[in-house]
C-alpha atoms as a PDB file:
ATOM      1  CA  UNK A   1      57.905 123.996  93.661  1.00  0.00           C
ATOM      2  CA  UNK A   2      60.519 126.128  93.223  1.00  0.00           C
ATOM      3  CA  UNK A   3      64.116 125.531  94.797  1.00  0.00           C
ATOM      4  CA  UNK A   4      63.622 127.801  97.899  1.00  0.00           C
ATOM      5  CA  UNK A   5      60.176 126.248  98.889  1.00  0.00           C
ATOM      6  CA  UNK A   6      62.113 122.518  98.263  1.00  0.00           C
ATOM      7  CA  UNK A   7      64.623 124.007 100.883  1.00  0.00           C
ATOM      8  CA  UNK A   8      62.064 124.682 103.182  1.00  0.00           C
ATOM      9  CA  UNK A   9      60.614 121.737 103.055  1.00  0.00           C
ATOM     10  CA  UNK A  10      63.725 120.148 103.555  1.00  0.00           C
ATOM     11  CA  UNK A  11      64.389 122.030 106.408  1.00  0.00           C
ATOM     12  CA  UNK A  12      61.016 121.271 107.952  1.00  0.00           C
ATOM     13  CA  UNK A  13      61.858 117.708 107.352  1.00  0.00           C
ATOM     14  CA  UNK A  14      65.295 117.985 109.323  1.00  0.00           C
ATOM     15  CA  UNK A  15      63.101 118.954 112.657  1.00  0.00           C
ATOM     16  CA  UNK A  16      61.205 116.508 112.475  1.00  0.00           C
ATOM     17  CA  UNK A  17      64.352 114.187 112.360  1.00  0.00           C
ATOM     18  CA  UNK A  18      65.755 115.587 114.823  1.00  0.00           C
ATOM     19  CA  UNK A  19      62.293 115.550 116.973  1.00  0.00           C
ATOM     20  CA  UNK A  20      62.498 111.696 115.934  1.00  0.00           C
ATOM     21  CA  UNK A  21      66.023 111.666 116.901  1.00  0.00           C
ATOM     22  CA  UNK A  22      65.600 112.716 120.499  1.00  0.00           C
ATOM     23  CA  UNK A  23      62.247 110.905 120.921  1.00  0.00           C
ATOM     24  CA  UNK A  24      64.526 107.580 120.251  1.00  0.00           C
ATOM     25  CA  UNK A  25      67.101 108.222 122.763  1.00  0.00           C
ATOM     26  CA  UNK A  26      64.803 109.409 125.660  1.00  0.00           C
ATOM     27  CA  UNK A  27      63.393 105.374 124.725  1.00  0.00           C
ATOM     28  CA  UNK A  28      67.071 104.452 124.779  1.00  0.00           C
ATOM     29  CA  UNK A  29      67.620 105.834 127.980  1.00  0.00           C
ATOM     30  CA  UNK A  30      64.281 104.509 129.520  1.00  0.00           C
ATOM     31  CA  UNK A  31      65.683 100.850 127.861  1.00  0.00           C
ATOM     32  CA  UNK A  32      68.960 101.376 129.341  1.00  0.00           C
ATOM     33  CA  UNK A  33      67.363 101.842 132.999  1.00  0.00           C
ATOM     34  CA  UNK A  34      65.486  98.613 132.600  1.00  0.00           C
ATOM     35  CA  UNK A  35      68.359  96.785 131.793  1.00  0.00           C
ATOM     36  CA  UNK A  36      70.169  98.366 134.860  1.00  0.00           C
ATOM     37  CA  UNK A  37      67.638  96.988 137.317  1.00  0.00           C
ATOM     38  CA  UNK A  38      67.772  93.584 135.867  1.00  0.00           C
ATOM     39  CA  UNK A  39      71.215  93.530 135.624  1.00  0.00           C
ATOM     40  CA  UNK A  40      71.475  92.567 132.196  1.00  0.00           C
ATOM     41  CA  UNK A  41      74.035  93.881 129.425  1.00  0.00           C
ATOM     42  CA  UNK A  42      73.798  96.925 127.738  1.00  0.00           C
ATOM     43  CA  UNK A  43      75.313  96.457 123.887  1.00  0.00           C
ATOM     44  CA  UNK A  44      73.308  93.863 121.791  1.00  0.00           C
ATOM     45  CA  UNK A  45      75.302  94.028 118.778  1.00  0.00           C
ATOM     46  CA  UNK A  46      72.916  91.128 117.484  1.00  0.00           C
ATOM     47  CA  UNK A  47      69.888  93.916 117.924  1.00  0.00           C
ATOM     48  CA  UNK A  48      71.798  96.377 116.348  1.00  0.00           C
ATOM     49  CA  UNK A  49      72.364  94.282 113.222  1.00  0.00           C
ATOM     50  CA  UNK A  50      68.937  93.378 112.756  1.00  0.00           C
ATOM     51  CA  UNK A  51      68.029  97.007 113.108  1.00  0.00           C
ATOM     52  CA  UNK A  52      69.767  97.694 110.314  1.00  0.00           C
ATOM     53  CA  UNK A  53      68.972  94.541 107.970  1.00  0.00           C
ATOM     54  CA  UNK A  54      65.270  95.670 108.769  1.00  0.00           C
ATOM     55  CA  UNK A  55      65.907  99.097 107.708  1.00  0.00           C
ATOM     56  CA  UNK A  56      67.979  97.753 104.553  1.00  0.00           C
ATOM     57  CA  UNK A  57      65.198  95.988 103.339  1.00  0.00           C
ATOM     58  CA  UNK A  58      63.295  98.874 102.876  1.00  0.00           C
ATOM     59  CA  UNK A  59      65.371 101.043 101.091  1.00  0.00           C
ATOM     60  CA  UNK A  60      64.175 103.470  98.667  1.00  0.00           C
ATOM     61  CA  UNK A  61      65.969 106.358  97.317  1.00  0.00           C
ATOM     62  CA  UNK A  62      68.462 106.796 100.247  1.00  0.00           C
ATOM     63  CA  UNK A  63      71.588 104.876  99.388  1.00  0.00           C
ATOM     64  CA  UNK A  64      72.168 101.757 101.857  1.00  0.00           C
ATOM     65  CA  UNK A  65      75.786 102.520 102.534  1.00  0.00           C
ATOM     66  CA  UNK A  66      74.330 105.857 103.594  1.00  0.00           C
ATOM     67  CA  UNK A  67      71.288 103.844 105.947  1.00  0.00           C
ATOM     68  CA  UNK A  68      74.567 101.907 107.258  1.00  0.00           C
ATOM     69  CA  UNK A  69      76.552 104.562 108.080  1.00  0.00           C
ATOM     70  CA  UNK A  70      73.437 106.830 109.527  1.00  0.00           C
ATOM     71  CA  UNK A  71      72.108 104.393 111.697  1.00  0.00           C
ATOM     72  CA  UNK A  72      75.366 102.981 112.868  1.00  0.00           C
ATOM     73  CA  UNK A  73      75.813 106.418 114.384  1.00  0.00           C
ATOM     74  CA  UNK A  74      71.998 106.792 115.806  1.00  0.00           C
ATOM     75  CA  UNK A  75      72.588 103.436 117.604  1.00  0.00           C
ATOM     76  CA  UNK A  76      75.981 104.391 118.605  1.00  0.00           C
ATOM     77  CA  UNK A  77      74.929 107.546 120.198  1.00  0.00           C
ATOM     78  CA  UNK A  78      71.695 106.256 121.511  1.00  0.00           C
ATOM     79  CA  UNK A  79      74.412 103.711 123.555  1.00  0.00           C
ATOM     80  CA  UNK A  80      76.221 106.193 124.919  1.00  0.00           C
ATOM     81  CA  UNK A  81      73.045 107.338 126.392  1.00  0.00           C
ATOM     82  CA  UNK A  82      72.738 104.148 128.005  1.00  0.00           C
ATOM     83  CA  UNK A  83      76.427 103.402 129.207  1.00  0.00           C
ATOM     84  CA  UNK A  84      80.470 104.572 128.171  1.00  0.00           C
ATOM     85  CA  UNK A  85      81.271 102.174 126.112  1.00  0.00           C
ATOM     86  CA  UNK A  86      85.167 101.519 125.907  1.00  0.00           C
ATOM     87  CA  UNK A  87      86.473  99.753 123.121  1.00  0.00           C
ATOM     88  CA  UNK A  88      90.550  98.861 122.769  1.00  0.00           C
ATOM     89  CA  UNK A  89      92.356  98.769 119.456  1.00  0.00           C
ATOM     90  CA  UNK A  90      95.996  98.484 118.147  1.00  0.00           C
ATOM     91  CA  UNK A  91      96.794 102.073 117.965  1.00  0.00           C
ATOM     92  CA  UNK A  92      97.917 104.715 117.885  1.00  0.00           C
ATOM     93  CA  UNK A  93      94.434 107.035 116.145  1.00  0.00           C
ATOM     94  CA  UNK A  94      94.805 106.381 112.532  1.00  0.00           C
ATOM     95  CA  UNK A  95      95.838 102.547 112.313  1.00  0.00           C
ATOM     96  CA  UNK A  96      93.447 100.574 110.375  1.00  0.00           C
ATOM     97  CA  UNK A  97      92.229  98.559 113.437  1.00  0.00           C
ATOM     98  CA  UNK A  98      90.917 102.147 114.723  1.00  0.00           C
ATOM     99  CA  UNK A  99      89.197 102.765 111.296  1.00  0.00           C
ATOM    100  CA  UNK A 100      87.620  99.035 111.726  1.00  0.00           C
ATOM    101  CA  UNK A 101      86.821  99.796 115.296  1.00  0.00           C
ATOM    102  CA  UNK A 102      84.706 102.788 114.369  1.00  0.00           C
ATOM    103  CA  UNK A 103      83.123 101.225 111.719  1.00  0.00           C
ATOM    104  CA  UNK A 104      81.616  98.367 114.046  1.00  0.00           C
ATOM    105  CA  UNK A 105      80.863 101.166 117.073  1.00  0.00           C
ATOM    106  CA  UNK A 106      80.281 104.247 115.377  1.00  0.00           C
ATOM    107  CA  UNK A 107      81.701 107.327 117.187  1.00  0.00           C
ATOM    108  CA  UNK A 108      80.086 107.512 120.385  1.00  0.00           C
ATOM    109  CA  UNK A 109      82.203 105.010 122.470  1.00  0.00           C
ATOM    110  CA  UNK A 110      85.581 105.571 124.472  1.00  0.00           C
ATOM    111  CA  UNK A 111      88.120 104.044 122.515  1.00  0.00           C
ATOM    112  CA  UNK A 112      91.473 102.544 124.177  1.00  0.00           C
ATOM    113  CA  UNK A 113      94.792 102.575 122.411  1.00  0.00           C
ATOM    114  CA  UNK A 114      96.810  99.463 122.932  1.00  0.00           C
ATOM    115  CA  UNK A 115     100.209  99.402 122.250  1.00  0.00           C
ATOM    116  CA  UNK A 116     100.520  95.889 120.718  1.00  0.00           C
ATOM    117  CA  UNK A 117      97.640  92.892 120.419  1.00  0.00           C
ATOM    118  CA  UNK A 118      98.376  91.180 123.383  1.00  0.00           C
ATOM    119  CA  UNK A 119      97.845  94.519 125.017  1.00  0.00           C
ATOM    120  CA  UNK A 120      94.316  94.843 123.600  1.00  0.00           C
ATOM    121  CA  UNK A 121      93.467  91.419 125.120  1.00  0.00           C
ATOM    122  CA  UNK A 122      94.706  92.638 128.066  1.00  0.00           C
ATOM    123  CA  UNK A 123      92.641  95.492 128.194  1.00  0.00           C
ATOM    124  CA  UNK A 124      89.534  93.405 127.755  1.00  0.00           C
ATOM    125  CA  UNK A 125      90.227  90.354 130.272  1.00  0.00           C
ATOM    126  CA  UNK A 126      91.290  93.494 132.983  1.00  0.00           C
ATOM    127  CA  UNK A 127      87.638  94.940 132.468  1.00  0.00           C
ATOM    128  CA  UNK A 128      89.613  98.614 131.156  1.00  0.00           C
ATOM    129  CA  UNK A 129      87.545  97.793 127.839  1.00  0.00           C
ATOM    130  CA  UNK A 130      83.925  96.233 127.141  1.00  0.00           C
ATOM    131  CA  UNK A 131      85.369  95.001 123.588  1.00  0.00           C
ATOM    132  CA  UNK A 132      88.791  94.693 121.722  1.00  0.00           C
ATOM    133  CA  UNK A 133      89.401  95.082 117.668  1.00  0.00           C
ATOM    134  CA  UNK A 134      92.393  93.110 116.677  1.00  0.00           C
ATOM    135  CA  UNK A 135      93.591  92.259 112.871  1.00  0.00           C
ATOM    136  CA  UNK A 136      93.471  88.727 112.303  1.00  0.00           C
ATOM    137  CA  UNK A 137      94.261  87.567 108.823  1.00  0.00           C
ATOM    138  CA  UNK A 138      95.124  89.646 105.108  1.00  0.00           C
ATOM    139  CA  UNK A 139      93.583  88.516 101.948  1.00  0.00           C
ATOM    140  CA  UNK A 140      97.575  88.813 100.695  1.00  0.00           C
ATOM    141  CA  UNK A 141      99.764  88.002 103.296  1.00  0.00           C
ATOM    142  CA  UNK A 142      97.534  85.524 105.405  1.00  0.00           C
ATOM    143  CA  UNK A 143      97.027  85.258 109.429  1.00  0.00           C
ATOM    144  CA  UNK A 144      98.214  87.564 111.686  1.00  0.00           C
ATOM    145  CA  UNK A 145      99.934  85.136 114.102  1.00  0.00           C
ATOM    146  CA  UNK A 146     100.122  87.146 117.203  1.00  0.00           C
ATOM    147  CA  UNK A 147      96.534  87.505 116.947  1.00  0.00           C
ATOM    148  CA  UNK A 148      95.987  83.361 117.114  1.00  0.00           C
ATOM    149  CA  UNK A 149      98.603  82.919 120.151  1.00  0.00           C
ATOM    150  CA  UNK A 150      97.006  85.450 121.878  1.00  0.00           C
ATOM    151  CA  UNK A 151      93.440  83.652 121.136  1.00  0.00           C
ATOM    152  CA  UNK A 152      94.823  80.254 122.359  1.00  0.00           C
ATOM    153  CA  UNK A 153      96.209  80.912 125.297  1.00  0.00           C
ATOM    154  CA  UNK A 154      93.452  83.562 126.672  1.00  0.00           C
ATOM    155  CA  UNK A 155      90.044  83.073 127.655  1.00  0.00           C
ATOM    156  CA  UNK A 156      88.586  85.788 125.315  1.00  0.00           C
ATOM    157  CA  UNK A 157      85.655  85.019 122.577  1.00  0.00           C
ATOM    158  CA  UNK A 158      85.412  86.147 118.980  1.00  0.00           C
ATOM    159  CA  UNK A 159      81.805  87.879 119.291  1.00  0.00           C
ATOM    160  CA  UNK A 160      81.954  89.606 115.490  1.00  0.00           C
ATOM    161  CA  UNK A 161      84.182  90.228 112.436  1.00  0.00           C
ATOM    162  CA  UNK A 162      84.942  93.360 110.296  1.00  0.00           C
ATOM    163  CA  UNK A 163      86.119  92.690 106.428  1.00  0.00           C
ATOM    164  CA  UNK A 164      88.076  96.240 105.548  1.00  0.00           C
ATOM    165  CA  UNK A 165      89.466  96.769 102.318  1.00  0.00           C
ATOM    166  CA  UNK A 166      93.088  98.308 103.067  1.00  0.00           C
ATOM    167  CA  UNK A 167      94.481 101.074 100.572  1.00  0.00           C
ATOM    168  CA  UNK A 168      98.162 101.557 101.620  1.00  0.00           C
ATOM    169  CA  UNK A 169      99.770 104.973 100.865  1.00  0.00           C
ATOM    170  CA  UNK A 170     103.472 106.201 101.641  1.00  0.00           C
ATOM    171  CA  UNK A 171     103.337 109.426 103.562  1.00  0.00           C
ATOM    172  CA  UNK A 172     105.866 111.739 104.633  1.00  0.00           C
ATOM    173  CA  UNK A 173     106.916 115.372 103.880  1.00  0.00           C
ATOM    174  CA  UNK A 174     107.204 116.574  99.998  1.00  0.00           C
ATOM    175  CA  UNK A 175     110.571 116.214  98.212  1.00  0.00           C
ATOM    176  CA  UNK A 176     112.368 114.014  95.959  1.00  0.00           C
ATOM    177  CA  UNK A 177     111.573 110.328  96.088  1.00  0.00           C
ATOM    178  CA  UNK A 178     115.466 109.722  96.072  1.00  0.00           C
ATOM    179  CA  UNK A 179     116.049 111.389  99.032  1.00  0.00           C
ATOM    180  CA  UNK A 180     114.181 108.370 101.550  1.00  0.00           C
ATOM    181  CA  UNK A 181     116.188 106.440 103.411  1.00  0.00           C
ATOM    182  CA  UNK A 182     113.922 104.622 105.880  1.00  0.00           C
ATOM    183  CA  UNK A 183     110.614 103.421 105.182  1.00  0.00           C
ATOM    184  CA  UNK A 184     108.420 102.704 108.466  1.00  0.00           C
ATOM    185  CA  UNK A 185     105.372 100.535 108.818  1.00  0.00           C
ATOM    186  CA  UNK A 186     104.228  97.629 110.504  1.00  0.00           C
ATOM    187  CA  UNK A 187     105.272  94.055 109.433  1.00  0.00           C
ATOM    188  CA  UNK A 188     102.221  93.466 107.427  1.00  0.00           C
ATOM    189  CA  UNK A 189     101.830  96.831 105.869  1.00  0.00           C
ATOM    190  CA  UNK A 190     105.581  96.350 104.934  1.00  0.00           C
ATOM    191  CA  UNK A 191     104.754  92.993 103.730  1.00  0.00           C
ATOM    192  CA  UNK A 192     101.776  94.158 101.247  1.00  0.00           C
ATOM    193  CA  UNK A 193     104.028  96.643  99.885  1.00  0.00           C
ATOM    194  CA  UNK A 194     106.975  94.713  99.481  1.00  0.00           C
ATOM    195  CA  UNK A 195     106.776  94.479  95.502  1.00  0.00           C
ATOM    196  CA  UNK A 196     106.204  98.522  95.255  1.00  0.00           C
ATOM    197  CA  UNK A 197     109.094  99.152  97.437  1.00  0.00           C
ATOM    198  CA  UNK A 198     111.182  97.302  96.183  1.00  0.00           C
ATOM    199  CA  UNK A 199     110.727  98.667  92.580  1.00  0.00           C
ATOM    200  CA  UNK A 200     110.809 102.339  94.017  1.00  0.00           C
ATOM    201  CA  UNK A 201     112.653 102.742  97.084  1.00  0.00           C
ATOM    202  CA  UNK A 202     115.245  99.818  96.479  1.00  0.00           C
ATOM    203  CA  UNK A 203     117.865 101.400  98.767  1.00  0.00           C
ATOM    204  CA  UNK A 204     115.368 102.454 101.232  1.00  0.00           C
ATOM    205  CA  UNK A 205     116.250 100.567 104.557  1.00  0.00           C
ATOM    206  CA  UNK A 206     112.553  98.992 105.738  1.00  0.00           C
ATOM    207  CA  UNK A 207     112.066  99.818 110.110  1.00  0.00           C
ATOM    208  CA  UNK A 208     109.711  97.596 111.670  1.00  0.00           C
ATOM    209  CA  UNK A 209     107.049  99.827 113.853  1.00  0.00           C
ATOM    210  CA  UNK A 210     104.186  98.865 115.997  1.00  0.00           C
ATOM    211  CA  UNK A 211     101.753  99.704 113.902  1.00  0.00           C
ATOM    212  CA  UNK A 212     101.080 102.256 110.649  1.00  0.00           C
ATOM    213  CA  UNK A 213      99.663 105.008 112.520  1.00  0.00           C
ATOM    214  CA  UNK A 214     102.959 104.793 114.696  1.00  0.00           C
ATOM    215  CA  UNK A 215     105.135 104.431 111.762  1.00  0.00           C
ATOM    216  CA  UNK A 216     103.830 108.053 110.428  1.00  0.00           C
ATOM    217  CA  UNK A 217     104.751 109.574 113.681  1.00  0.00           C
ATOM    218  CA  UNK A 218     108.202 108.122 113.469  1.00  0.00           C
ATOM    219  CA  UNK A 219     108.339 109.521 109.856  1.00  0.00           C
ATOM    220  CA  UNK A 220     107.336 112.801 110.819  1.00  0.00           C
ATOM    221  CA  UNK A 221     110.395 113.154 113.316  1.00  0.00           C
ATOM    222  CA  UNK A 222     112.381 112.124 110.576  1.00  0.00           C
ATOM    223  CA  UNK A 223     113.303 114.024 107.749  1.00  0.00           C
ATOM    224  CA  UNK A 224     114.970 111.290 105.337  1.00  0.00           C
ATOM    225  CA  UNK A 225     111.757 108.820 105.910  1.00  0.00           C
ATOM    226  CA  UNK A 226     108.810 108.144 104.755  1.00  0.00           C
ATOM    227  CA  UNK A 227     105.753 105.838 106.233  1.00  0.00           C
ATOM    228  CA  UNK A 228     103.394 103.190 104.658  1.00  0.00           C
ATOM    229  CA  UNK A 229     100.074 104.222 106.213  1.00  0.00           C
ATOM    230  CA  UNK A 230      96.344 105.065 105.900  1.00  0.00           C
ATOM    231  CA  UNK A 231      95.865 108.611 104.614  1.00  0.00           C
ATOM    232  CA  UNK A 232      93.635 109.277 108.222  1.00  0.00           C
ATOM    233  CA  UNK A 233      97.289 108.273 109.877  1.00  0.00           C
ATOM    234  CA  UNK A 234      99.191 110.911 107.282  1.00  0.00           C
ATOM    235  CA  UNK A 235      96.738 113.611 108.272  1.00  0.00           C
ATOM    236  CA  UNK A 236      97.000 112.931 112.283  1.00  0.00           C
ATOM    237  CA  UNK A 237     101.125 113.321 111.833  1.00  0.00           C
ATOM    238  CA  UNK A 238     100.454 116.546 109.406  1.00  0.00           C
ATOM    239  CA  UNK A 239     102.223 114.198 106.766  1.00  0.00           C
ATOM    240  CA  UNK A 240     101.620 114.562 103.000  1.00  0.00           C
ATOM    241  CA  UNK A 241     100.488 111.193 100.382  1.00  0.00           C
ATOM    242  CA  UNK A 242     103.140 110.813  98.525  1.00  0.00           C
ATOM    243  CA  UNK A 243     101.719 107.852  96.672  1.00  0.00           C
ATOM    244  CA  UNK A 244      98.380 106.104  96.890  1.00  0.00           C
ATOM    245  CA  UNK A 245      97.554 102.426  96.826  1.00  0.00           C
ATOM    246  CA  UNK A 246     100.996 101.132  97.015  1.00  0.00           C
ATOM    247  CA  UNK A 247      99.770  97.780  98.134  1.00  0.00           C
ATOM    248  CA  UNK A 248     100.884  94.561  95.507  1.00  0.00           C
ATOM    249  CA  UNK A 249      97.591  93.349  95.371  1.00  0.00           C
ATOM    250  CA  UNK A 250      94.800  96.168  94.135  1.00  0.00           C
ATOM    251  CA  UNK A 251      92.090  93.930  96.107  1.00  0.00           C
ATOM    252  CA  UNK A 252      93.884  94.064  99.563  1.00  0.00           C
ATOM    253  CA  UNK A 253      91.053  93.362 102.582  1.00  0.00           C
ATOM    254  CA  UNK A 254      91.785  92.724 106.384  1.00  0.00           C
ATOM    255  CA  UNK A 255      89.803  90.564 108.668  1.00  0.00           C
ATOM    256  CA  UNK A 256      89.140  91.824 112.198  1.00  0.00           C
ATOM    257  CA  UNK A 257      87.657  90.496 114.771  1.00  0.00           C
ATOM    258  CA  UNK A 258      85.758  91.867 118.011  1.00  0.00           C
ATOM    259  CA  UNK A 259      86.994  90.307 121.090  1.00  0.00           C
ATOM    260  CA  UNK A 260      84.795  89.758 124.278  1.00  0.00           C
ATOM    261  CA  UNK A 261      84.182  88.023 127.253  1.00  0.00           C
ATOM    262  CA  UNK A 262      81.588  85.955 125.885  1.00  0.00           C
ATOM    263  CA  UNK A 263      80.714  85.270 121.962  1.00  0.00           C
ATOM    264  CA  UNK A 264      77.209  86.082 120.232  1.00  0.00           C
ATOM    265  CA  UNK A 265      74.367  84.373 120.067  1.00  0.00           C
ATOM    266  CA  UNK A 266      72.693  82.824 116.764  1.00  0.00           C
ATOM    267  CA  UNK A 267      71.926  84.890 114.031  1.00  0.00           C
ATOM    268  CA  UNK A 268      71.184  82.025 111.213  1.00  0.00           C
ATOM    269  CA  UNK A 269      73.990  83.116 109.398  1.00  0.00           C
ATOM    270  CA  UNK A 270      77.168  82.228 111.702  1.00  0.00           C
ATOM    271  CA  UNK A 271      80.691  80.884 111.702  1.00  0.00           C
ATOM    272  CA  UNK A 272      82.686  79.508 114.489  1.00  0.00           C
ATOM    273  CA  UNK A 273      86.318  79.850 114.604  1.00  0.00           C
ATOM    274  CA  UNK A 274      88.210  76.561 116.539  1.00  0.00           C
ATOM    275  CA  UNK A 275      91.660  75.435 117.882  1.00  0.00           C
ATOM    276  CA  UNK A 276      93.015  71.888 118.283  1.00  0.00           C
ATOM    277  CA  UNK A 277      95.928  70.003 118.651  1.00  0.00           C
ATOM    278  CA  UNK A 278      95.987  66.303 117.806  1.00  0.00           C
ATOM    279  CA  UNK A 279      98.126  63.192 119.288  1.00  0.00           C
ATOM    280  CA  UNK A 280     101.526  62.409 118.057  1.00  0.00           C
ATOM    281  CA  UNK A 281     100.555  59.626 115.784  1.00  0.00           C
ATOM    282  CA  UNK A 282     100.238  58.516 112.188  1.00  0.00           C
ATOM    283  CA  UNK A 283      96.593  59.868 110.431  1.00  0.00           C
ATOM    284  CA  UNK A 284      95.402  61.964 113.750  1.00  0.00           C
ATOM    285  CA  UNK A 285      94.983  65.181 111.823  1.00  0.00           C
ATOM    286  CA  UNK A 286      93.311  63.067 108.831  1.00  0.00           C
ATOM    287  CA  UNK A 287      90.889  61.581 111.226  1.00  0.00           C
ATOM    288  CA  UNK A 288      90.102  64.683 112.892  1.00  0.00           C
ATOM    289  CA  UNK A 289      89.020  66.762 109.724  1.00  0.00           C
ATOM    290  CA  UNK A 290      87.197  63.621 108.509  1.00  0.00           C
ATOM    291  CA  UNK A 291      85.228  64.092 111.720  1.00  0.00           C
ATOM    292  CA  UNK A 292      84.044  67.534 110.973  1.00  0.00           C
ATOM    293  CA  UNK A 293      83.586  66.792 106.950  1.00  0.00           C
ATOM    294  CA  UNK A 294      81.651  63.870 108.242  1.00  0.00           C
ATOM    295  CA  UNK A 295      79.230  66.049 110.265  1.00  0.00           C
ATOM    296  CA  UNK A 296      78.742  68.462 107.177  1.00  0.00           C
ATOM    297  CA  UNK A 297      80.264  71.423 108.362  1.00  0.00           C
ATOM    298  CA  UNK A 298      81.904  73.857 105.685  1.00  0.00           C
ATOM    299  CA  UNK A 299      85.315  74.349 106.527  1.00  0.00           C
ATOM    300  CA  UNK A 300      86.356  77.721 105.491  1.00  0.00           C
ATOM    301  CA  UNK A 301      89.946  78.337 106.945  1.00  0.00           C
ATOM    302  CA  UNK A 302      92.456  76.314 108.743  1.00  0.00           C
ATOM    303  CA  UNK A 303      96.513  76.804 109.273  1.00  0.00           C
ATOM    304  CA  UNK A 304      98.681  75.479 111.670  1.00  0.00           C
ATOM    305  CA  UNK A 305     100.999  77.306 114.356  1.00  0.00           C
ATOM    306  CA  UNK A 306     103.566  75.835 116.357  1.00  0.00           C
ATOM    307  CA  UNK A 307     102.220  75.007 120.116  1.00  0.00           C
ATOM    308  CA  UNK A 308     103.816  77.192 122.478  1.00  0.00           C
ATOM    309  CA  UNK A 309     104.325  74.275 125.148  1.00  0.00           C
ATOM    310  CA  UNK A 310     105.702  71.172 122.940  1.00  0.00           C
ATOM    311  CA  UNK A 311     108.538  71.541 120.096  1.00  0.00           C
ATOM    312  CA  UNK A 312     107.385  70.303 117.099  1.00  0.00           C
ATOM    313  CA  UNK A 313     103.641  70.216 117.938  1.00  0.00           C
ATOM    314  CA  UNK A 314     100.932  72.143 115.971  1.00  0.00           C
ATOM    315  CA  UNK A 315      98.175  73.781 116.716  1.00  0.00           C
ATOM    316  CA  UNK A 316      95.786  73.762 113.806  1.00  0.00           C
ATOM    317  CA  UNK A 317      93.135  76.507 113.865  1.00  0.00           C
ATOM    318  CA  UNK A 318      89.782  76.287 112.129  1.00  0.00           C
ATOM    319  CA  UNK A 319      86.778  78.019 110.652  1.00  0.00           C
ATOM    320  CA  UNK A 320      83.382  76.813 109.450  1.00  0.00           C
ATOM    321  CA  UNK A 321      79.759  77.723 108.665  1.00  0.00           C
ATOM    322  CA  UNK A 322      77.602  77.602 111.642  1.00  0.00           C
ATOM    323  CA  UNK A 323      76.936  78.116 115.802  1.00  0.00           C
ATOM    324  CA  UNK A 324      78.509  76.003 118.128  1.00  0.00           C
ATOM    325  CA  UNK A 325      74.717  75.660 119.725  1.00  0.00           C
ATOM    326  CA  UNK A 326      73.268  74.126 116.304  1.00  0.00           C
ATOM    327  CA  UNK A 327      73.093  70.422 117.182  1.00  0.00           C
ATOM    328  CA  UNK A 328      75.401  69.641 114.175  1.00  0.00           C
ATOM    329  CA  UNK A 329      78.036  71.752 115.205  1.00  0.00           C
ATOM    330  CA  UNK A 330      77.622  70.514 118.772  1.00  0.00           C
ATOM    331  CA  UNK A 331      77.715  67.157 117.773  1.00  0.00           C
ATOM    332  CA  UNK A 332      81.102  67.414 115.505  1.00  0.00           C
ATOM    333  CA  UNK A 333      82.710  69.239 118.569  1.00  0.00           C
ATOM    334  CA  UNK A 334      81.997  66.849 120.830  1.00  0.00           C
ATOM    335  CA  UNK A 335      83.643  63.947 118.343  1.00  0.00           C
ATOM    336  CA  UNK A 336      86.410  66.180 117.926  1.00  0.00           C
ATOM    337  CA  UNK A 337      87.385  66.651 121.681  1.00  0.00           C
ATOM    338  CA  UNK A 338      86.892  62.717 121.804  1.00  0.00           C
ATOM    339  CA  UNK A 339      89.415  62.252 119.452  1.00  0.00           C
ATOM    340  CA  UNK A 340      91.776  65.147 119.660  1.00  0.00           C
ATOM    341  CA  UNK A 341      94.107  66.297 122.023  1.00  0.00           C
ATOM    342  CA  UNK A 342      92.667  69.308 122.697  1.00  0.00           C
ATOM    343  CA  UNK A 343      89.815  71.317 121.085  1.00  0.00           C
ATOM    344  CA  UNK A 344      89.051  75.001 122.044  1.00  0.00           C
ATOM    345  CA  UNK A 345      86.057  76.954 120.540  1.00  0.00           C
ATOM    346  CA  UNK A 346      87.396  80.414 120.061  1.00  0.00           C
ATOM    347  CA  UNK A 347      84.102  81.812 119.569  1.00  0.00           C
ATOM    348  CA  UNK A 348      80.474  81.734 117.316  1.00  0.00           C
ATOM    349  CA  UNK A 349      79.602  84.824 115.737  1.00  0.00           C
ATOM    350  CA  UNK A 350      77.527  86.502 112.587  1.00  0.00           C
ATOM    351  CA  UNK A 351      79.824  86.427 109.244  1.00  0.00           C
ATOM    352  CA  UNK A 352      80.529  89.877 108.016  1.00  0.00           C
ATOM    353  CA  UNK A 353      78.734  90.896 104.852  1.00  0.00           C
END
């Protein structure tokens, strides 16, 4: 078969694919109509995850990352035919939160930018967004305290998590590095690039911005400045990438969580997040952790935050494997509630790959 003949065959295959996509869209719209009549929720992330897992199991020559990307967008576009999905994120466009949200929901939803993490929570709580996406933990700098505090004080639940490799760039206008007097960025991004900035821009003032994209916008208005941001944020602000990969650790991963009014159904590979406080007495924390250990739970994370209502009291945030509907987990949570001052389940959700 000649090259022209192969291309003709590819064109025919593309036509077949488009026809099948149209058929899939019609079926998705029909399912949406039935769900609407039944009063059922439209978005079903567990179903989407199962679809992609099934397709990956059948992968052949087409690369797995391509299967994920293609079918993520196919499902996103079909869902848009059923309902308008609004996703709140820490904006403006071009932030890593924006990129994480698109990786989870595709390009078809309407993305609602929020200026702060609290504003993301408010958008979901007030019904202005179906879901929210916020950072919760970075492999270099630890947890995002604003997210933990909002989770502990609000009624929203974690229903998913996203792991994203974070590559920071120094972005600005082309010119002499010595002319940079100010570097704008979000506190987490500045902390993740602390050593690089100290070595390469020791005299520059570090200026805190609400987000990395907001920092790029600030730098675009300030001729003697730069920003720590993503390549996408640089493109959106009309800036150049001056240096790439300036994070202090080459492996720099941020964990984001998807917020909703309820958590996810069991998937068989779940994680549960809780917050709890203990009575102000000797050995109280040790006994609380022993209850979880005796139940056979695998704790994957624990840390403390100051309680907002009592000085020198602390709230403990813990992640462990399992879903809260699992009998073992349910019994452990019941035992912990009988011992601790307060226990709050922040959500059970599938573990990220």
